[in-house]
Amino acid sequence: MGTFSLFHWLILLIPIGVALIFVFRKPPIGPNRFGGLPQATGFGQAIGSYFKNYVNFSGRASRSEFWYSALFVFLVAIALYVVDRSGTLNLIWSLATFLPSIAMAARRLHDVNRSGWWQLLALLVPIGTVIVLAWYCRASTVDDSREAVFA
């Protein structure tokens, strides 16, 4: 009862192996297919962009825009929890920021030349979440067409 059979190991190792294939697979080479290089933003600009592009899944988002908006959502959630311990305001806030958070994450993945659908990889909890977080932290993919003009 305390030992793993071959079937258990396969169930455990196949999702990890699939996730690792996606990690080591490089994004397409060439210019970023999702648009030009985004500008770095400050805290206020990032929050404005977060709500302005409420459900905009196209374009790119810089690292600063993504992480400042994530920080804002987190801080408001903490403040709402302190104000209302029942969780009602927090539930409303979570529902209000669900779609913009997905859209922002898709635009962040576009910035590293990956499709926004790669967010689903985070559902493979231990490994997939780490992979997606690493992509969120990765530097922007440079637009090669802009370099060719100046070369």
N, C-alpha and C. Protein backbone atom coordinates (compact mmCIF):
# COMPACT_ATOMS: atom_id res chain seq x y z
N MET A 1 0.81 -1.18 0.00
CA MET A 1 0.00 0.00 0.00
C MET A 1 0.87 1.26 0.00
N GLY A 2 2.07 1.22 0.54
CA GLY A 2 2.92 2.39 0.62
C GLY A 2 3.86 2.55 -0.56
N THR A 3 3.79 1.68 -1.56
CA THR A 3 4.71 1.77 -2.68
C THR A 3 3.99 2.29 -3.91
N PHE A 4 4.76 2.91 -4.78
CA PHE A 4 4.23 3.39 -6.05
C PHE A 4 4.39 2.30 -7.09
N SER A 5 3.36 2.08 -7.87
CA SER A 5 3.46 1.15 -8.99
C SER A 5 3.92 1.93 -10.22
N LEU A 6 4.17 1.23 -11.29
CA LEU A 6 4.58 1.86 -12.54
C LEU A 6 3.49 2.83 -13.03
N PHE A 7 2.23 2.46 -12.86
CA PHE A 7 1.11 3.30 -13.27
C PHE A 7 1.13 4.63 -12.52
N HIS A 8 1.40 4.60 -11.23
CA HIS A 8 1.47 5.83 -10.44
C HIS A 8 2.61 6.73 -10.90
N TRP A 9 3.75 6.13 -11.19
CA TRP A 9 4.89 6.92 -11.67
C TRP A 9 4.57 7.56 -13.00
N LEU A 10 3.90 6.84 -13.89
CA LEU A 10 3.54 7.42 -15.19
C LEU A 10 2.58 8.59 -15.03
N ILE A 11 1.62 8.45 -14.15
CA ILE A 11 0.68 9.54 -13.90
C ILE A 11 1.42 10.77 -13.35
N LEU A 12 2.43 10.55 -12.57
CA LEU A 12 3.19 11.63 -11.98
C LEU A 12 4.17 12.26 -12.97
N LEU A 13 4.86 11.45 -13.75
CA LEU A 13 5.94 11.94 -14.59
C LEU A 13 5.51 12.46 -15.95
N ILE A 14 4.39 11.98 -16.50
CA ILE A 14 3.96 12.44 -17.83
C ILE A 14 3.63 13.94 -17.82
N PRO A 15 2.83 14.47 -16.88
CA PRO A 15 2.59 15.92 -16.90
C PRO A 15 3.87 16.74 -16.71
N ILE A 16 4.78 16.25 -15.88
CA ILE A 16 6.04 16.96 -15.68
C ILE A 16 6.86 16.95 -16.97
N GLY A 17 6.91 15.82 -17.65
CA GLY A 17 7.64 15.72 -18.91
C GLY A 17 7.05 16.61 -19.99
N VAL A 18 5.73 16.65 -20.09
CA VAL A 18 5.07 17.51 -21.07
C VAL A 18 5.37 18.97 -20.78
N ALA A 19 5.31 19.35 -19.52
CA ALA A 19 5.59 20.74 -19.15
C ALA A 19 7.04 21.11 -19.48
N LEU A 20 7.97 20.20 -19.23
CA LEU A 20 9.37 20.49 -19.52
C LEU A 20 9.63 20.63 -21.00
N ILE A 21 8.89 19.91 -21.82
CA ILE A 21 9.02 20.08 -23.27
C ILE A 21 8.67 21.50 -23.66
N PHE A 22 7.61 22.05 -23.06
CA PHE A 22 7.20 23.41 -23.37
C PHE A 22 8.19 24.45 -22.85
N VAL A 23 8.84 24.14 -21.75
CA VAL A 23 9.80 25.09 -21.19
C VAL A 23 11.00 25.24 -22.10
N PHE A 24 11.53 24.15 -22.56
CA PHE A 24 12.75 24.20 -23.35
C PHE A 24 12.51 24.49 -24.82
N ARG A 25 11.27 24.55 -25.22
CA ARG A 25 10.95 24.90 -26.60
C ARG A 25 11.05 26.41 -26.75
N LYS A 26 11.84 26.86 -27.71
CA LYS A 26 12.07 28.29 -27.89
C LYS A 26 10.89 28.93 -28.61
N PRO A 27 10.63 30.22 -28.34
CA PRO A 27 9.58 30.91 -29.09
C PRO A 27 10.01 31.07 -30.54
N PRO A 28 9.07 31.36 -31.43
CA PRO A 28 9.43 31.52 -32.84
C PRO A 28 10.49 32.60 -33.03
N ILE A 29 11.42 32.34 -33.96
CA ILE A 29 12.46 33.32 -34.23
C ILE A 29 11.93 34.37 -35.19
N GLY A 30 12.61 35.49 -35.26
CA GLY A 30 12.17 36.58 -36.11
C GLY A 30 11.52 37.66 -35.29
N PRO A 31 10.91 38.61 -35.97
CA PRO A 31 10.28 39.71 -35.23
C PRO A 31 9.10 39.22 -34.40
N ASN A 32 8.85 39.91 -33.32
CA ASN A 32 7.74 39.56 -32.45
C ASN A 32 6.45 39.78 -33.23
N ARG A 33 5.63 38.77 -33.32
CA ARG A 33 4.42 38.81 -34.13
C ARG A 33 3.27 39.54 -33.45
N PHE A 34 3.47 40.02 -32.24
CA PHE A 34 2.39 40.65 -31.49
C PHE A 34 2.51 42.16 -31.42
N GLY A 35 3.42 42.77 -32.18
CA GLY A 35 3.50 44.22 -32.21
C GLY A 35 4.83 44.74 -31.74
N GLY A 36 4.90 46.06 -31.63
CA GLY A 36 6.13 46.73 -31.24
C GLY A 36 6.44 46.60 -29.77
N LEU A 37 7.65 46.99 -29.42
CA LEU A 37 8.13 46.91 -28.05
C LEU A 37 7.34 47.86 -27.16
N PRO A 38 6.79 47.38 -26.03
CA PRO A 38 6.02 48.27 -25.15
C PRO A 38 6.94 49.16 -24.32
N GLN A 39 6.40 50.27 -23.88
CA GLN A 39 7.15 51.20 -23.03
C GLN A 39 7.05 50.76 -21.57
N ALA A 40 8.13 50.96 -20.83
CA ALA A 40 8.08 50.71 -19.38
C ALA A 40 7.16 51.77 -18.76
N THR A 41 6.37 51.36 -17.77
CA THR A 41 5.42 52.28 -17.17
C THR A 41 5.66 52.39 -15.67
N GLY A 42 5.14 53.46 -15.11
CA GLY A 42 5.16 53.65 -13.67
C GLY A 42 3.92 53.01 -13.06
N PHE A 43 3.81 53.12 -11.74
CA PHE A 43 2.70 52.49 -11.03
C PHE A 43 1.35 53.03 -11.49
N GLY A 44 1.20 54.33 -11.55
CA GLY A 44 -0.08 54.92 -11.96
C GLY A 44 -0.42 54.62 -13.40
N GLN A 45 0.57 54.69 -14.28
CA GLN A 45 0.34 54.39 -15.70
C GLN A 45 -0.06 52.93 -15.88
N ALA A 46 0.54 52.04 -15.12
CA ALA A 46 0.22 50.62 -15.23
C ALA A 46 -1.22 50.34 -14.81
N ILE A 47 -1.66 50.98 -13.74
CA ILE A 47 -3.03 50.79 -13.28
C ILE A 47 -4.01 51.36 -14.29
N GLY A 48 -3.68 52.54 -14.85
CA GLY A 48 -4.52 53.12 -15.89
C GLY A 48 -4.62 52.22 -17.11
N SER A 49 -3.50 51.66 -17.52
CA SER A 49 -3.49 50.74 -18.66
C SER A 49 -4.26 49.47 -18.36
N TYR A 50 -4.16 49.01 -17.11
CA TYR A 50 -4.86 47.79 -16.69
C TYR A 50 -6.37 47.94 -16.89
N PHE A 51 -6.91 49.07 -16.47
CA PHE A 51 -8.36 49.28 -16.59
C PHE A 51 -8.75 49.80 -17.98
N LYS A 52 -7.86 50.49 -18.65
CA LYS A 52 -8.16 50.97 -20.01
C LYS A 52 -8.26 49.80 -20.99
N ASN A 53 -7.38 48.83 -20.83
CA ASN A 53 -7.38 47.64 -21.69
C ASN A 53 -8.08 46.49 -20.97
N TYR A 54 -9.28 46.75 -20.49
CA TYR A 54 -10.01 45.83 -19.61
C TYR A 54 -10.06 44.40 -20.15
N VAL A 55 -10.47 44.22 -21.38
CA VAL A 55 -10.52 42.89 -21.99
C VAL A 55 -9.80 42.90 -23.34
N ASN A 56 -8.73 43.65 -23.44
CA ASN A 56 -7.94 43.71 -24.67
C ASN A 56 -6.87 42.62 -24.62
N PHE A 57 -7.03 41.60 -25.45
CA PHE A 57 -6.10 40.48 -25.45
C PHE A 57 -5.04 40.62 -26.54
N SER A 58 -5.01 41.74 -27.24
CA SER A 58 -4.02 41.92 -28.30
C SER A 58 -2.99 42.95 -27.86
N GLY A 59 -1.82 42.89 -28.45
CA GLY A 59 -0.75 43.80 -28.10
C GLY A 59 0.19 43.18 -27.07
N ARG A 60 1.03 44.04 -26.50
CA ARG A 60 2.04 43.59 -25.57
C ARG A 60 2.00 44.42 -24.29
N ALA A 61 2.43 43.82 -23.19
CA ALA A 61 2.53 44.52 -21.91
C ALA A 61 3.94 44.34 -21.36
N SER A 62 4.54 45.41 -20.93
CA SER A 62 5.89 45.34 -20.38
C SER A 62 5.88 44.67 -19.01
N ARG A 63 7.05 44.30 -18.55
CA ARG A 63 7.15 43.68 -17.23
C ARG A 63 6.65 44.61 -16.14
N SER A 64 7.03 45.88 -16.24
CA SER A 64 6.61 46.82 -15.20
C SER A 64 5.09 46.98 -15.19
N GLU A 65 4.48 47.05 -16.36
CA GLU A 65 3.03 47.18 -16.44
C GLU A 65 2.34 45.96 -15.82
N PHE A 66 2.85 44.78 -16.11
CA PHE A 66 2.26 43.55 -15.58
C PHE A 66 2.41 43.47 -14.07
N TRP A 67 3.62 43.67 -13.55
CA TRP A 67 3.86 43.48 -12.13
C TRP A 67 3.27 44.59 -11.28
N TYR A 68 3.25 45.83 -11.79
CA TYR A 68 2.60 46.91 -11.04
C TYR A 68 1.10 46.68 -10.94
N SER A 69 0.48 46.21 -12.02
CA SER A 69 -0.96 45.94 -11.96
C SER A 69 -1.25 44.76 -11.04
N ALA A 70 -0.39 43.74 -11.04
CA ALA A 70 -0.57 42.61 -10.13
C ALA A 70 -0.43 43.06 -8.68
N LEU A 71 0.53 43.95 -8.42
CA LEU A 71 0.70 44.49 -7.07
C LEU A 71 -0.53 45.28 -6.65
N PHE A 72 -1.08 46.08 -7.55
CA PHE A 72 -2.27 46.87 -7.24
C PHE A 72 -3.45 45.97 -6.89
N VAL A 73 -3.69 44.95 -7.69
CA VAL A 73 -4.80 44.02 -7.44
C VAL A 73 -4.60 43.34 -6.09
N PHE A 74 -3.39 42.93 -5.78
CA PHE A 74 -3.09 42.28 -4.50
C PHE A 74 -3.30 43.21 -3.32
N LEU A 75 -2.82 44.45 -3.42
CA LEU A 75 -2.97 45.40 -2.32
C LEU A 75 -4.43 45.77 -2.06
N VAL A 76 -5.20 45.93 -3.13
CA VAL A 76 -6.62 46.23 -2.95
C VAL A 76 -7.33 45.03 -2.31
N ALA A 77 -6.96 43.82 -2.71
CA ALA A 77 -7.56 42.62 -2.11
C ALA A 77 -7.27 42.55 -0.61
N ILE A 78 -6.05 42.88 -0.21
CA ILE A 78 -5.71 42.88 1.21
C ILE A 78 -6.50 43.96 1.94
N ALA A 79 -6.60 45.15 1.36
CA ALA A 79 -7.34 46.24 2.00
C ALA A 79 -8.82 45.86 2.15
N LEU A 80 -9.39 45.23 1.13
CA LEU A 80 -10.79 44.83 1.21
C LEU A 80 -11.00 43.75 2.26
N TYR A 81 -10.01 42.88 2.43
CA TYR A 81 -10.12 41.85 3.46
C TYR A 81 -10.09 42.47 4.85
N VAL A 82 -9.25 43.50 5.02
CA VAL A 82 -9.17 44.17 6.32
C VAL A 82 -10.49 44.88 6.63
N VAL A 83 -11.10 45.49 5.61
CA VAL A 83 -12.34 46.23 5.80
C VAL A 83 -13.51 45.29 6.04
N ASP A 84 -13.58 44.21 5.26
CA ASP A 84 -14.73 43.31 5.32
C ASP A 84 -14.24 41.87 5.48
N ARG A 85 -14.25 41.35 6.68
CA ARG A 85 -13.74 40.00 6.96
C ARG A 85 -14.65 38.90 6.40
N SER A 86 -15.88 39.23 6.02
CA SER A 86 -16.77 38.19 5.50
C SER A 86 -16.36 37.75 4.09
N GLY A 87 -15.62 38.58 3.39
CA GLY A 87 -15.14 38.19 2.07
C GLY A 87 -16.04 38.61 0.93
N THR A 88 -17.14 39.29 1.21
CA THR A 88 -18.06 39.69 0.14
C THR A 88 -17.42 40.71 -0.79
N LEU A 89 -16.78 41.73 -0.23
CA LEU A 89 -16.13 42.74 -1.07
C LEU A 89 -14.96 42.13 -1.84
N ASN A 90 -14.27 41.21 -1.21
CA ASN A 90 -13.16 40.54 -1.88
C ASN A 90 -13.65 39.70 -3.05
N LEU A 91 -14.79 39.05 -2.90
CA LEU A 91 -15.38 38.26 -3.99
C LEU A 91 -15.77 39.17 -5.15
N ILE A 92 -16.37 40.30 -4.84
CA ILE A 92 -16.75 41.25 -5.89
C ILE A 92 -15.50 41.77 -6.61
N TRP A 93 -14.46 42.10 -5.86
CA TRP A 93 -13.20 42.57 -6.45
C TRP A 93 -12.57 41.48 -7.33
N SER A 94 -12.60 40.25 -6.87
CA SER A 94 -12.04 39.15 -7.65
C SER A 94 -12.79 38.96 -8.96
N LEU A 95 -14.09 39.06 -8.92
CA LEU A 95 -14.89 38.93 -10.14
C LEU A 95 -14.64 40.11 -11.08
N ALA A 96 -14.48 41.31 -10.52
CA ALA A 96 -14.26 42.49 -11.35
C ALA A 96 -12.89 42.48 -12.02
N THR A 97 -11.91 41.85 -11.40
CA THR A 97 -10.55 41.85 -11.95
C THR A 97 -10.16 40.53 -12.62
N PHE A 98 -11.09 39.61 -12.74
CA PHE A 98 -10.77 38.31 -13.34
C PHE A 98 -10.38 38.45 -14.81
N LEU A 99 -11.25 39.04 -15.62
CA LEU A 99 -10.96 39.18 -17.05
C LEU A 99 -9.78 40.11 -17.33
N PRO A 100 -9.68 41.27 -16.67
CA PRO A 100 -8.51 42.10 -16.95
C PRO A 100 -7.19 41.44 -16.57
N SER A 101 -7.20 40.61 -15.54
CA SER A 101 -5.96 39.91 -15.15
C SER A 101 -5.56 38.89 -16.20
N ILE A 102 -6.54 38.19 -16.75
CA ILE A 102 -6.23 37.23 -17.81
C ILE A 102 -5.74 37.96 -19.05
N ALA A 103 -6.38 39.09 -19.38
CA ALA A 103 -5.96 39.86 -20.55
C ALA A 103 -4.55 40.41 -20.37
N MET A 104 -4.25 40.91 -19.18
CA MET A 104 -2.91 41.45 -18.91
C MET A 104 -1.86 40.33 -19.00
N ALA A 105 -2.17 39.16 -18.48
CA ALA A 105 -1.23 38.05 -18.56
C ALA A 105 -1.02 37.61 -20.00
N ALA A 106 -2.08 37.63 -20.81
CA ALA A 106 -1.94 37.28 -22.23
C ALA A 106 -1.04 38.29 -22.94
N ARG A 107 -1.24 39.57 -22.65
CA ARG A 107 -0.38 40.59 -23.27
C ARG A 107 1.06 40.47 -22.79
N ARG A 108 1.26 40.05 -21.54
CA ARG A 108 2.62 39.85 -21.02
C ARG A 108 3.29 38.69 -21.74
N LEU A 109 2.55 37.63 -21.99
CA LEU A 109 3.12 36.50 -22.73
C LEU A 109 3.40 36.89 -24.18
N HIS A 110 2.57 37.76 -24.75
CA HIS A 110 2.84 38.25 -26.10
C HIS A 110 4.18 38.98 -26.13
N ASP A 111 4.54 39.64 -25.04
CA ASP A 111 5.77 40.41 -24.98
C ASP A 111 7.00 39.51 -25.07
N VAL A 112 6.87 38.26 -24.66
CA VAL A 112 7.99 37.32 -24.79
C VAL A 112 7.77 36.39 -25.99
N ASN A 113 6.90 36.83 -26.92
CA ASN A 113 6.63 36.14 -28.19
C ASN A 113 6.01 34.76 -28.00
N ARG A 114 5.10 34.67 -27.05
CA ARG A 114 4.34 33.44 -26.83
C ARG A 114 2.86 33.78 -26.85
N SER A 115 2.07 32.82 -27.21
CA SER A 115 0.62 33.01 -27.25
C SER A 115 0.06 33.12 -25.84
N GLY A 116 -1.03 33.86 -25.71
CA GLY A 116 -1.68 34.00 -24.41
C GLY A 116 -2.28 32.71 -23.91
N TRP A 117 -2.50 31.75 -24.79
CA TRP A 117 -3.06 30.46 -24.39
C TRP A 117 -2.09 29.68 -23.50
N TRP A 118 -0.82 30.06 -23.48
CA TRP A 118 0.16 29.38 -22.64
C TRP A 118 -0.15 29.54 -21.15
N GLN A 119 -1.05 30.45 -20.81
CA GLN A 119 -1.45 30.60 -19.40
C GLN A 119 -2.05 29.31 -18.87
N LEU A 120 -2.66 28.54 -19.75
CA LEU A 120 -3.29 27.29 -19.33
C LEU A 120 -2.28 26.28 -18.80
N LEU A 121 -1.01 26.47 -19.16
CA LEU A 121 0.04 25.60 -18.64
C LEU A 121 0.14 25.68 -17.12
N ALA A 122 -0.28 26.80 -16.54
CA ALA A 122 -0.23 26.98 -15.09
C ALA A 122 -1.18 26.03 -14.38
N LEU A 123 -2.10 25.40 -15.10
CA LEU A 123 -3.01 24.45 -14.47
C LEU A 123 -2.29 23.16 -14.06
N LEU A 124 -1.13 22.90 -14.66
CA LEU A 124 -0.29 21.78 -14.21
C LEU A 124 0.49 22.32 -13.00
N VAL A 125 -0.11 22.22 -11.86
CA VAL A 125 0.18 23.05 -10.70
C VAL A 125 1.66 23.20 -10.34
N PRO A 126 2.42 22.23 -9.95
CA PRO A 126 3.72 22.65 -9.44
C PRO A 126 4.66 23.12 -10.54
N ILE A 127 4.73 22.38 -11.61
CA ILE A 127 5.70 22.68 -12.66
C ILE A 127 5.20 23.77 -13.59
N GLY A 128 3.96 23.66 -14.04
CA GLY A 128 3.40 24.62 -14.99
C GLY A 128 3.35 26.03 -14.43
N THR A 129 3.03 26.17 -13.17
CA THR A 129 2.96 27.48 -12.54
C THR A 129 4.33 28.14 -12.51
N VAL A 130 5.35 27.38 -12.19
CA VAL A 130 6.71 27.91 -12.15
C VAL A 130 7.15 28.33 -13.55
N ILE A 131 6.79 27.56 -14.56
CA ILE A 131 7.16 27.89 -15.93
C ILE A 131 6.52 29.19 -16.37
N VAL A 132 5.23 29.33 -16.12
CA VAL A 132 4.53 30.55 -16.53
C VAL A 132 5.06 31.75 -15.76
N LEU A 133 5.35 31.60 -14.48
CA LEU A 133 5.94 32.70 -13.71
C LEU A 133 7.31 33.10 -14.27
N ALA A 134 8.09 32.12 -14.71
CA ALA A 134 9.39 32.43 -15.30
C ALA A 134 9.21 33.22 -16.59
N TRP A 135 8.19 32.89 -17.39
CA TRP A 135 7.93 33.64 -18.61
C TRP A 135 7.46 35.06 -18.29
N TYR A 136 6.69 35.23 -17.22
CA TYR A 136 6.25 36.57 -16.83
C TYR A 136 7.44 37.43 -16.43
N CYS A 137 8.49 36.82 -15.89
CA CYS A 137 9.67 37.56 -15.44
C CYS A 137 10.70 37.78 -16.55
N ARG A 138 10.55 37.12 -17.66
CA ARG A 138 11.52 37.21 -18.75
C ARG A 138 11.49 38.59 -19.39
N ALA A 139 12.63 39.03 -19.88
CA ALA A 139 12.74 40.32 -20.56
C ALA A 139 11.98 40.29 -21.88
N SER A 140 11.61 41.46 -22.36
CA SER A 140 10.87 41.59 -23.61
C SER A 140 11.67 41.04 -24.77
N THR A 141 10.94 40.46 -25.73
CA THR A 141 11.56 40.01 -26.96
C THR A 141 11.72 41.23 -27.85
N VAL A 142 12.93 41.48 -28.32
CA VAL A 142 13.22 42.67 -29.12
C VAL A 142 12.61 42.49 -30.50
N ASP A 143 12.07 43.58 -31.02
CA ASP A 143 11.50 43.58 -32.36
C ASP A 143 12.64 43.65 -33.36
N ASP A 144 12.95 42.55 -34.06
CA ASP A 144 14.08 42.49 -34.98
C ASP A 144 13.92 43.40 -36.18
N SER A 145 12.69 43.68 -36.60
CA SER A 145 12.47 44.53 -37.76
C SER A 145 12.95 45.95 -37.46
N ARG A 146 12.85 46.40 -36.21
CA ARG A 146 13.30 47.72 -35.82
C ARG A 146 14.84 47.78 -35.85
N GLU A 147 15.50 46.68 -35.49
CA GLU A 147 16.96 46.65 -35.52
C GLU A 147 17.47 46.70 -36.95
N ALA A 148 16.74 46.06 -37.88
CA ALA A 148 17.18 46.04 -39.28
C ALA A 148 17.16 47.43 -39.89
N VAL A 149 16.26 48.29 -39.45
CA VAL A 149 16.15 49.64 -39.98
C VAL A 149 17.36 50.46 -39.57
N PHE A 150 17.82 50.30 -38.33
CA PHE A 150 18.93 51.10 -37.83
C PHE A 150 20.30 50.50 -38.15
N ALA A 151 20.35 49.29 -38.64
CA ALA A 151 21.63 48.63 -38.90
C ALA A 151 22.28 49.11 -40.17
